[in-house]
Amino acid sequence: MNPHPLIIDCDPGVDDATALLLAFASPELELLGVTTVAGNVGGDRTVRNARVIRRIAGREDVPIHAGCEAPLLRKPVAAGHFHGESGLGTLAVDDPGAPAAEGHAVEFLIRAVTARPERTVTLAVIGPMTNVAMAMRLEPRLAGRLKQIVFMGGARREGGNITPSAEFNVFADPHAAAVVFASGVPLVVMGLDVTHQVRGTPERIAAIEAGGTPPARAAAELLRFSREVASRLMNGEDAPLHDPCTVAWLLRPELFELRPCALEVETLSELTLGHTAVDFRLPDPAAATVRWAARADADAIFALIAERLAR
């Protein structure tokens, strides 16, 4: 089987870092590059953090390009209270390894996708969609050339995690998300409805750590930090595993149940800015370009992460 060409657009972030470690360890994925964006922490730290994770994974063959430092229109927001001051919890960040590649992330996205045959490259977008929206504005043919976007963001049944109605990645740049969702590109969306089903229990984290490799130990440290923060802020709950669900779906789609839907992003209301309006009442479900993740096999997802990071 030929590896699946993939670009990961991210804002590391402890859960982004775990998603990167899973992707770096999976030979089914041909990682064309990693692009970073301001989100969980500022843009200078997200690109550094991606480099740290690349070094731990031993994958300095994969280029990392720094991207947008601020949302399209709104004021920047961050989530350091969930990710720690560095963005990587308690993980050491003193040696990020090889430098970032030259060239802006938006330029790299356009160049890398257009260099490949149409509908062969997938984007896994696990941060605010600023880079992707900018690339689509600069190159209107980009959406038609992509195979799909797998996005971690949005919420329906679960409500929000940054406001009562908005999930962080969408809230951080709702105008960019609106551009991407209106583009017609095929989208698989891992919202809070599914990521809240996939939680890092002590037993699941210990199973990953037992792999003993540097990536396994790093992921366990990241997940343990997330669990401690979630337990403190969310009445003792285990932390949801958000961003790695995108990579897990690419590797094992049978672990998820998807539903076709229509999806629009609220950009006008101060009260509900970033809300994702998800509608399953479709006249022709087969024509839908968006599929919403409704269920996931949490045990199998964590087993997949443990198996890959132990290699």
Foldseek 3Di string as FASTA:
>chain_A
DAAFEEEEEEQADLLVLLLVLLQLLDPSHDYQAYEYEQFQHFQVLRQLVSLQSCVLSVNPVHAYAGEYGAAPDDGADHNCLLQPPSSQFPDDRPDSDDHHDDDHPLVVLLVVLVVDAALRYEYEYEAAQRSVLVNCVVPVCRLRRHVAYEYFFADDVVAEDVARFGDRRCLRHVVSVQSVLPSLRQYEYRYPLAQVVAFDDPVLLVLLVVLPGSSSVSSSVSLVSSQVSCCVVPVHDGHGSTRNVSVLCVVPVVQWDKAAWRWHADCPDPRNHRGIDTGRPDPDSVSGRYIYTNYGDNVVSSVSSSVSSSD
